[in-house]
Amino acid sequence: MGTKAEIPVGRFTLDNGLRVVYSTDTSTAMAAVDVLYDTGARDESPELTGMAHLFEHLMFGGSANVADFDAELESAGGSSNAWTGSDFTNFYDVVPAQNVATAFHLESDRMLALDFGGRALEVQRSVVIEEFKQQCLNRPYGDMMHRLRALVYGGRHPYSWPVIGLTPDHIAAVGTEDVRRWFYDHYAPNNAVLAVTGNVAAGDVRRLAEDWFGDIPRRDVAPRSMPAPEFPRADVREVMTGRVPQPMVVIAFPMDAYGTPDYFAADTITDILGAGRSSRFYRRLVAGGDGLFAAADASIIGCEHEGMLLLTASLAPGTDAAGRDAAAEAMLEQARALAVDGGLSPRELERTFNRFEATFRLSSLSYLNLAQSLATAEIHGEDINDTVARQRLTTVADVTRTARKLFFETPSVRLDYIPENT
């Protein structure tokens, strides 16, 4: 594809260590303010999981000078949301650009100090416990990732439990001192990135950042100590039963951490296998299959440390054990074909890159998506304008080598989730 115009990006760092990155777009009347904290479920202990996600909720419960975060933002015509991952916690606000100072004020106030009194903790504990029940206990396949992660990583690695936590009991056990410790250990300007996009001039970004965030003191961030993952030394297979409509088969392979060449090769492999209707899984297993596959996908759970590559199949209702074995073998056959010399043509690889680039360009048109992408790139020490070029560094030989390592040399975990009484 031809040369594309670069996304305009500016950046600076405040004296307290807060990194600020921004991109001005005068074609919109809106602005996005995004704060990405370098903390997530990987900073939890096995005895108190779900803490990072619970704290995300608590960040909306009132801060030093703002009793109701959402009410203040909505009065300025804005809205907000957040997400927590294994590695990071992200907060984002969308406001009319003329009211962007309100978002700076609100984000800086909760970075400065939360209100640890009142009923916020009690309320949010109940909210998160109910969310756990809805997502993990009362939803088909909702507890599948709990088991899969434990089988892949072992019991004490923080990636061995989902972000929502191992059990509602852990969330119920969180006390005020736990919350206070988490805040002062992880929520600091020198442990965060502030990203601003939309119709906000560069000079205004600097002035507002200095005015609202400049006086927040640096803090000593808790050192991160992660045990090595206990990856399986031989293939593992397990069957789960539950109230699910049809069998599902997932095969997980441990893969390299974000930023390594093999990470990008693994990402490319899953795009070839599972991205869209031109993917190998869709053409050969779903549309071109014999009805065994209701759906098939390949994906990665990319992490700052070792992640997982997943091959996933939803099978026709009533599929028995032999059918599940056939489905697993069919997915592996497609994946292993990439490990053979000549198994991938330069044309198919280029088509995969073109799809990746199109998705990236389209996503970047949204000032909100761009803010989150800028923050993530900044925390990685990357230039967002290198995103596509970095992906395109992967060669056919890289795909072949990585596929061989993953699908022939790496022990996998296969988990079949089948309906009860089958």
Protein backbone atom coordinates (compact mmCIF):
# COMPACT_ATOMS: atom_id res chain seq x y z
CA MET A 1 0.00 0.00 0.00
CA GLY A 2 1.09 3.56 -0.57
CA THR A 3 2.60 5.90 1.98
CA LYS A 4 0.04 7.13 4.48
CA ALA A 5 -0.01 10.48 6.27
CA GLU A 6 1.37 10.18 9.76
CA ILE A 7 -0.75 10.80 12.81
CA PRO A 8 0.47 14.07 14.37
CA VAL A 9 1.82 13.28 17.83
CA GLY A 10 3.33 15.46 20.53
CA ARG A 11 4.65 14.39 23.90
CA PHE A 12 6.28 15.72 27.04
CA THR A 13 6.85 14.62 30.65
CA LEU A 14 5.95 16.60 33.77
CA ASP A 15 8.41 16.98 36.61
CA ASN A 16 6.44 14.43 38.66
CA GLY A 17 6.99 11.77 35.98
CA LEU A 18 3.58 11.87 34.28
CA ARG A 19 4.03 11.16 30.58
CA VAL A 20 1.73 13.16 28.32
CA VAL A 21 1.03 12.33 24.68
CA TYR A 22 -1.45 14.10 22.42
CA SER A 23 -2.76 14.45 18.88
CA THR A 24 -4.80 17.47 17.80
CA ASP A 25 -7.71 17.07 15.38
CA THR A 26 -9.53 20.28 14.47
CA SER A 27 -12.15 18.44 12.40
CA THR A 28 -14.12 17.47 15.52
CA ALA A 29 -15.73 19.51 18.26
CA MET A 30 -14.97 16.79 20.83
CA ALA A 31 -12.00 15.69 22.91
CA ALA A 32 -10.90 12.51 24.63
CA VAL A 33 -8.82 12.36 27.80
CA ASP A 34 -7.32 8.96 28.61
CA VAL A 35 -5.29 7.95 31.67
CA LEU A 36 -3.49 4.61 31.50
CA TYR A 37 -1.99 3.25 34.72
CA ASP A 38 0.80 0.70 34.62
CA THR A 39 -0.97 -1.69 36.94
CA GLY A 40 -3.41 -4.55 36.58
CA ALA A 41 -4.15 -8.05 37.77
CA ARG A 42 -0.46 -8.96 37.43
CA ASP A 43 0.15 -6.91 40.60
CA GLU A 44 -2.27 -8.99 42.70
CA SER A 45 -1.52 -11.82 45.10
CA PRO A 46 -3.16 -15.24 44.74
CA GLU A 47 -4.88 -14.63 48.07
CA LEU A 48 -6.64 -11.40 47.00
CA THR A 49 -7.48 -11.61 43.30
CA GLY A 50 -9.84 -9.24 41.51
CA MET A 51 -8.35 -6.27 43.37
CA ALA A 52 -7.33 -4.33 40.25
CA HIS A 53 -10.78 -4.61 38.73
CA LEU A 54 -12.53 -3.70 41.98
CA PHE A 55 -10.30 -0.64 42.26
CA GLU A 56 -11.30 0.46 38.76
CA HIS A 57 -14.87 0.66 40.08
CA LEU A 58 -13.75 2.52 43.19
CA MET A 59 -12.13 5.22 41.08
CA PHE A 60 -15.65 6.42 40.24
CA GLY A 61 -16.73 6.55 43.89
CA GLY A 62 -15.53 10.03 44.77
CA SER A 63 -12.17 11.72 45.27
CA ALA A 64 -10.62 14.43 47.41
CA ASN A 65 -12.60 17.33 45.95
CA VAL A 66 -15.20 15.60 43.78
CA ALA A 67 -18.01 13.68 45.44
CA ASP A 68 -19.58 12.31 42.24
CA PHE A 69 -17.28 11.82 39.25
CA ASP A 70 -19.97 10.92 36.72
CA ALA A 71 -22.32 13.75 37.74
CA GLU A 72 -19.56 16.34 37.32
CA LEU A 73 -18.57 15.01 33.91
CA GLU A 74 -22.14 14.70 32.67
CA SER A 75 -22.82 18.30 33.68
CA ALA A 76 -20.08 19.25 31.20
CA GLY A 77 -21.71 17.17 28.46
CA GLY A 78 -19.27 14.30 28.85
CA SER A 79 -19.21 10.58 29.48
CA SER A 80 -16.64 8.15 30.81
CA ASN A 81 -15.72 4.52 31.15
CA ALA A 82 -12.80 2.30 32.07
CA TRP A 83 -11.33 -1.16 31.70
CA THR A 84 -8.91 -3.33 33.61
CA GLY A 85 -6.56 -5.89 32.08
CA SER A 86 -3.92 -8.25 33.34
CA ASP A 87 -1.28 -5.57 32.77
CA PHE A 88 -2.92 -2.13 32.73
CA THR A 89 -5.92 -0.15 33.98
CA ASN A 90 -7.40 2.48 31.68
CA PHE A 91 -9.81 5.38 32.28
CA TYR A 92 -11.23 7.52 29.48
CA ASP A 93 -13.49 10.53 29.19
CA VAL A 94 -15.19 12.10 26.17
CA VAL A 95 -16.27 15.75 26.41
CA PRO A 96 -16.98 18.72 24.15
CA ALA A 97 -13.56 20.21 23.49
CA GLN A 98 -14.58 23.52 25.06
CA ASN A 99 -15.13 21.67 28.35
CA VAL A 100 -11.99 19.55 28.28
CA ALA A 101 -10.68 21.27 31.43
CA THR A 102 -13.40 19.43 33.37
CA ALA A 103 -11.95 16.07 32.36
CA PHE A 104 -8.45 17.21 33.35
CA HIS A 105 -9.80 18.35 36.72
CA LEU A 106 -11.67 15.11 37.43
CA GLU A 107 -8.86 12.77 36.37
CA SER A 108 -6.24 14.73 38.30
CA ASP A 109 -8.36 14.80 41.45
CA ARG A 110 -8.77 11.05 41.58
CA MET A 111 -5.09 10.57 40.80
CA LEU A 112 -4.31 12.90 43.71
CA ALA A 113 -6.43 11.13 46.32
CA LEU A 114 -9.54 9.00 46.49
CA ASP A 115 -12.19 9.39 49.15
CA PHE A 116 -11.58 6.24 51.18
CA GLY A 117 -14.47 6.92 53.54
CA GLY A 118 -18.18 6.49 53.05
CA ARG A 119 -19.95 3.53 51.50
CA ALA A 120 -18.10 3.42 48.17
CA LEU A 121 -16.18 0.23 48.98
CA GLU A 122 -19.28 -1.56 50.28
CA VAL A 123 -21.30 -0.57 47.21
CA GLN A 124 -18.64 -1.45 44.66
CA ARG A 125 -17.87 -4.79 46.32
CA SER A 126 -21.52 -5.72 45.80
CA VAL A 127 -21.47 -4.48 42.21
CA VAL A 128 -18.36 -6.48 41.31
CA ILE A 129 -19.61 -9.64 43.05
CA GLU A 130 -22.83 -9.39 41.05
CA GLU A 131 -20.78 -8.87 37.88
CA PHE A 132 -18.77 -11.99 38.73
CA LYS A 133 -21.98 -14.00 39.08
CA GLN A 134 -23.39 -12.71 35.80
CA GLN A 135 -20.22 -13.12 33.73
CA CYS A 136 -18.66 -16.23 35.23
CA LEU A 137 -21.28 -18.26 37.09
CA ASN A 138 -24.52 -17.65 35.21
CA ARG A 139 -23.25 -17.26 31.66
CA PRO A 140 -22.55 -20.19 29.33
CA TYR A 141 -18.79 -20.94 29.21
CA GLY A 142 -18.27 -18.11 31.76
CA ASP A 143 -15.92 -20.13 33.97
CA MET A 144 -13.94 -21.62 31.09
CA MET A 145 -11.10 -19.10 31.24
CA HIS A 146 -10.68 -19.67 34.96
CA ARG A 147 -9.80 -23.29 34.28
CA LEU A 148 -7.85 -22.69 31.09
CA ARG A 149 -5.60 -20.05 32.62
CA ALA A 150 -4.88 -22.22 35.65
CA LEU A 151 -3.93 -25.15 33.43
CA VAL A 152 -1.61 -23.01 31.28
CA TYR A 153 0.14 -20.86 33.89
CA GLY A 154 -0.03 -22.82 37.14
CA GLY A 155 -1.65 -21.71 40.34
CA ARG A 156 0.40 -18.73 41.57
CA HIS A 157 1.25 -16.80 38.43
CA PRO A 158 -1.04 -13.72 38.18
CA TYR A 159 -2.04 -14.62 34.63
CA SER A 160 -3.46 -17.87 36.00
CA TRP A 161 -6.68 -16.09 37.02
CA PRO A 162 -8.99 -13.81 35.04
CA VAL A 163 -8.98 -10.09 35.74
CA ILE A 164 -12.30 -10.34 37.57
CA GLY A 165 -10.64 -12.65 40.10
CA LEU A 166 -10.66 -16.25 41.19
CA THR A 167 -13.71 -16.15 43.43
CA PRO A 168 -16.25 -13.64 44.79
CA ASP A 169 -14.91 -14.45 48.25
CA HIS A 170 -11.70 -12.56 47.45
CA ILE A 171 -13.66 -9.47 46.44
CA ALA A 172 -15.82 -9.67 49.55
CA ALA A 173 -12.68 -9.81 51.70
CA VAL A 174 -11.18 -6.52 50.44
CA GLY A 175 -10.97 -3.96 53.24
CA THR A 176 -10.29 -0.23 53.42
CA GLU A 177 -6.60 -0.71 54.15
CA ASP A 178 -6.25 -3.01 51.12
CA VAL A 179 -7.79 -0.30 48.96
CA ARG A 180 -5.64 2.43 50.43
CA ARG A 181 -2.48 0.36 49.94
CA TRP A 182 -3.36 -0.43 46.32
CA PHE A 183 -3.89 3.23 45.54
CA TYR A 184 -0.63 4.48 46.99
CA ASP A 185 1.35 1.52 45.63
CA HIS A 186 0.18 1.88 42.02
CA TYR A 187 -1.78 5.06 41.29
CA ALA A 188 0.91 7.67 40.81
CA PRO A 189 1.74 10.22 38.11
CA ASN A 190 5.08 8.50 37.57
CA ASN A 191 3.19 5.23 36.91
CA ALA A 192 0.75 6.63 34.34
CA VAL A 193 0.32 8.06 30.86
CA LEU A 194 -2.09 10.87 30.00
CA ALA A 195 -3.28 10.91 26.37
CA VAL A 196 -5.36 13.73 24.85
CA THR A 197 -6.95 13.73 21.40
CA GLY A 198 -9.53 15.76 19.54
CA ASN A 199 -9.84 19.51 19.16
CA VAL A 200 -7.36 20.57 21.84
CA ALA A 201 -4.36 22.63 20.77
CA ALA A 202 -0.87 21.59 21.81
CA GLY A 203 -0.39 24.64 24.00
CA ASP A 204 -3.66 23.97 25.82
CA VAL A 205 -2.68 20.34 26.47
CA ARG A 206 0.56 21.46 28.13
CA ARG A 207 -1.10 24.24 30.12
CA LEU A 208 -3.93 22.04 31.36
CA ALA A 209 -1.59 19.15 32.20
CA GLU A 210 0.71 21.40 34.20
CA ASP A 211 -2.16 23.21 35.93
CA TRP A 212 -4.12 20.13 36.96
CA PHE A 213 -1.52 17.35 37.24
CA GLY A 214 1.75 19.20 37.90
CA ASP A 215 1.34 19.49 41.67
CA ILE A 216 0.51 15.82 42.27
CA PRO A 217 3.55 14.35 44.05
CA ARG A 218 5.53 11.42 42.75
CA ARG A 219 5.06 8.22 44.71
CA ASP A 220 7.13 5.13 45.35
CA VAL A 221 5.55 2.49 43.11
CA ALA A 222 5.51 -1.00 44.57
CA PRO A 223 8.12 -3.23 42.91
CA ARG A 224 6.68 -5.92 40.68
CA SER A 225 7.69 -9.48 41.46
CA MET A 226 6.20 -12.19 39.26
CA PRO A 227 6.90 -15.89 39.55
CA ALA A 228 7.83 -17.80 36.44
CA PRO A 229 4.86 -19.45 34.74
CA GLU A 230 4.51 -23.17 35.30
CA PHE A 231 3.81 -24.06 31.68
CA PRO A 232 2.93 -27.72 31.05
CA ARG A 233 5.79 -29.98 30.03
CA ALA A 234 3.50 -32.29 28.07
CA ASP A 235 0.17 -31.83 26.34
CA VAL A 236 -2.76 -31.47 28.73
CA ARG A 237 -6.36 -32.37 27.98
CA GLU A 238 -9.35 -31.79 30.21
CA VAL A 239 -13.14 -31.86 29.85
CA MET A 240 -15.56 -29.50 31.63
CA THR A 241 -19.32 -29.82 31.78
CA GLY A 242 -21.90 -27.13 32.31
CA ARG A 243 -25.13 -25.55 31.18
CA VAL A 244 -23.93 -24.74 27.68
CA PRO A 245 -25.81 -25.13 24.38
CA GLN A 246 -23.10 -26.91 22.38
CA PRO A 247 -19.56 -28.25 22.74
CA MET A 248 -16.62 -25.89 22.58
CA VAL A 249 -12.99 -26.89 22.11
CA VAL A 250 -10.09 -24.57 22.96
CA ILE A 251 -6.42 -25.38 22.42
CA ALA A 252 -3.99 -23.00 24.14
CA PHE A 253 -0.29 -22.59 23.39
CA PRO A 254 2.02 -20.47 25.57
CA MET A 255 3.59 -17.73 23.43
CA ASP A 256 6.20 -15.01 23.75
CA ALA A 257 5.70 -11.65 25.48
CA TYR A 258 4.65 -8.44 23.79
CA GLY A 259 7.35 -6.69 21.80
CA THR A 260 9.31 -9.78 20.76
CA PRO A 261 9.53 -10.83 17.09
CA ASP A 262 7.71 -14.07 17.85
CA TYR A 263 4.85 -12.12 19.42
CA PHE A 264 4.18 -10.28 16.17
CA ALA A 265 4.59 -13.49 14.20
CA ALA A 266 2.03 -15.22 16.45
CA ASP A 267 -0.34 -12.29 15.99
CA THR A 268 0.04 -12.64 12.23
CA ILE A 269 -0.56 -16.41 12.43
CA THR A 270 -3.89 -15.91 14.17
CA ASP A 271 -4.91 -13.30 11.58
CA ILE A 272 -4.16 -15.79 8.79
CA LEU A 273 -6.11 -18.53 10.53
CA GLY A 274 -9.04 -16.69 12.02
CA ALA A 275 -9.53 -13.07 10.87
CA GLY A 276 -12.63 -12.62 8.76
CA ARG A 277 -14.31 -14.59 6.01
CA SER A 278 -11.11 -14.89 3.99
CA SER A 279 -9.34 -16.67 6.87
CA ARG A 280 -8.34 -20.32 6.59
CA PHE A 281 -10.55 -21.41 9.46
CA TYR A 282 -13.65 -19.83 7.99
CA ARG A 283 -13.07 -20.95 4.41
CA ARG A 284 -11.92 -24.48 5.17
CA LEU A 285 -13.59 -25.43 8.45
CA VAL A 286 -16.80 -23.41 8.72
CA ALA A 287 -18.04 -22.46 5.25
CA GLY A 288 -16.19 -25.26 3.51
CA GLY A 289 -16.61 -27.91 6.16
CA ASP A 290 -19.09 -30.72 6.72
CA GLY A 291 -21.19 -29.00 9.38
CA LEU A 292 -19.02 -29.97 12.36
CA PHE A 293 -17.92 -26.39 13.00
CA ALA A 294 -20.50 -23.77 13.93
CA ALA A 295 -17.64 -21.27 14.29
CA ALA A 296 -13.85 -21.33 14.51
CA ASP A 297 -11.39 -18.68 15.56
CA ALA A 298 -7.72 -18.10 16.29
CA SER A 299 -6.60 -15.35 18.64
CA ILE A 300 -3.90 -14.27 21.04
CA ILE A 301 -4.08 -13.05 24.59
CA GLY A 302 -1.12 -10.74 24.27
CA CYS A 303 0.57 -9.74 27.50
CA GLU A 304 3.59 -7.88 28.81
CA HIS A 305 4.88 -11.31 29.87
CA GLU A 306 4.21 -14.67 28.25
CA GLY A 307 0.76 -14.85 26.66
CA MET A 308 -1.43 -17.48 25.02
CA LEU A 309 -2.36 -18.32 21.45
CA LEU A 310 -5.82 -19.87 21.27
CA LEU A 311 -7.50 -22.05 18.66
CA THR A 312 -11.23 -22.11 19.41
CA ALA A 313 -14.13 -24.05 17.90
CA SER A 314 -17.85 -23.98 18.60
CA LEU A 315 -19.23 -27.29 17.39
CA ALA A 316 -22.61 -28.50 16.22
CA PRO A 317 -24.97 -29.46 19.05
CA GLY A 318 -24.68 -33.11 19.91
CA THR A 319 -21.08 -33.50 18.77
CA ASP A 320 -19.57 -36.44 20.64
CA ALA A 321 -16.01 -37.09 21.85
CA ALA A 322 -14.91 -38.44 18.48
CA GLY A 323 -16.27 -35.33 16.81
CA ARG A 324 -14.42 -33.09 19.26
CA ASP A 325 -11.20 -34.95 18.53
CA ALA A 326 -11.80 -34.51 14.81
CA ALA A 327 -12.40 -30.78 15.27
CA ALA A 328 -9.24 -30.33 17.34
CA GLU A 329 -7.23 -32.23 14.74
CA ALA A 330 -8.70 -30.15 11.93
CA MET A 331 -7.69 -26.89 13.63
CA LEU A 332 -4.21 -28.22 14.34
CA GLU A 333 -3.86 -29.36 10.75
CA GLN A 334 -4.58 -25.85 9.50
CA ALA A 335 -2.21 -24.32 12.04
CA ARG A 336 0.59 -26.79 11.37
CA ALA A 337 0.34 -26.19 7.63
CA LEU A 338 1.92 -22.79 8.32
CA ALA A 339 4.98 -24.53 9.81
CA VAL A 340 5.86 -26.20 6.51
CA ASP A 341 8.11 -24.50 3.98
CA GLY A 342 5.86 -23.21 1.24
CA GLY A 343 2.81 -23.35 3.51
CA LEU A 344 2.30 -19.59 3.29
CA SER A 345 2.56 -17.51 0.14
CA PRO A 346 3.86 -13.92 0.14
CA ARG A 347 0.54 -12.89 -1.40
CA GLU A 348 -1.50 -14.29 1.52
CA LEU A 349 0.84 -12.66 4.01
CA GLU A 350 0.49 -9.33 2.22
CA ARG A 351 -3.30 -9.67 2.27
CA THR A 352 -3.13 -10.25 6.03
CA PHE A 353 -1.00 -7.14 6.48
CA ASN A 354 -3.40 -5.10 4.36
CA ARG A 355 -6.28 -6.16 6.57
CA PHE A 356 -4.28 -5.25 9.69
CA GLU A 357 -3.43 -1.84 8.25
CA ALA A 358 -7.01 -1.13 7.19
CA THR A 359 -8.26 -2.01 10.67
CA PHE A 360 -5.63 0.20 12.29
CA ARG A 361 -6.32 3.17 10.01
CA LEU A 362 -10.08 2.92 10.51
CA SER A 363 -9.72 2.64 14.28
CA SER A 364 -7.43 5.68 14.37
CA LEU A 365 -10.15 7.84 12.82
CA SER A 366 -11.93 7.70 16.18
CA TYR A 367 -10.41 10.24 18.55
CA LEU A 368 -11.33 7.98 21.48
CA ASN A 369 -9.69 4.89 20.00
CA LEU A 370 -6.69 7.01 19.08
CA ALA A 371 -6.31 8.28 22.64
CA GLN A 372 -6.18 4.75 24.01
CA SER A 373 -3.76 3.65 21.28
CA LEU A 374 -1.50 6.63 21.97
CA ALA A 375 -1.43 5.85 25.69
CA THR A 376 -0.58 2.20 25.07
CA ALA A 377 2.15 3.06 22.58
CA GLU A 378 3.63 5.59 24.99
CA ILE A 379 3.73 3.14 27.90
CA HIS A 380 5.55 0.73 25.56
CA GLY A 381 7.99 3.44 24.48
CA GLU A 382 6.73 3.18 20.89
CA ASP A 383 5.66 5.59 18.16
CA ILE A 384 2.10 4.88 17.05
CA ASN A 385 3.11 5.71 13.49
CA ASP A 386 5.36 2.63 13.49
CA THR A 387 2.47 0.25 14.28
CA VAL A 388 1.85 -0.97 10.75
CA ALA A 389 5.52 -1.02 9.75
CA ARG A 390 6.36 -3.04 12.85
CA GLN A 391 3.73 -5.63 11.97
CA ARG A 392 5.00 -5.77 8.38
CA LEU A 393 8.50 -6.71 9.58
CA THR A 394 7.22 -10.26 10.01
CA THR A 395 8.36 -12.40 7.07
CA VAL A 396 7.11 -15.68 5.65
CA ALA A 397 10.14 -17.32 7.28
CA ASP A 398 9.19 -15.78 10.65
CA VAL A 399 5.68 -17.21 10.37
CA THR A 400 7.02 -20.65 9.42
CA ARG A 401 9.55 -20.69 12.26
CA THR A 402 7.08 -19.46 14.88
CA ALA A 403 4.36 -21.86 13.73
CA ARG A 404 6.82 -24.73 13.99
CA LYS A 405 7.81 -23.70 17.50
CA LEU A 406 4.21 -23.24 18.66
CA PHE A 407 2.43 -26.14 17.01
CA PHE A 408 5.16 -28.80 17.00
CA GLU A 409 7.49 -27.96 19.89
CA THR A 410 5.29 -26.32 22.56
CA PRO A 411 3.11 -28.45 24.86
CA SER A 412 -0.50 -27.32 24.64
CA VAL A 413 -3.59 -27.33 26.83
CA ARG A 414 -6.80 -28.56 25.28
CA LEU A 415 -10.02 -27.88 27.15
CA ASP A 416 -13.35 -29.25 25.95
CA TYR A 417 -16.46 -27.64 27.42
CA ILE A 418 -19.52 -29.83 26.82
CA PRO A 419 -23.17 -29.73 27.84
CA GLU A 420 -24.19 -31.53 31.02
CA ASN A 421 -25.43 -35.10 30.68
CA THR A 422 -23.58 -35.80 27.43
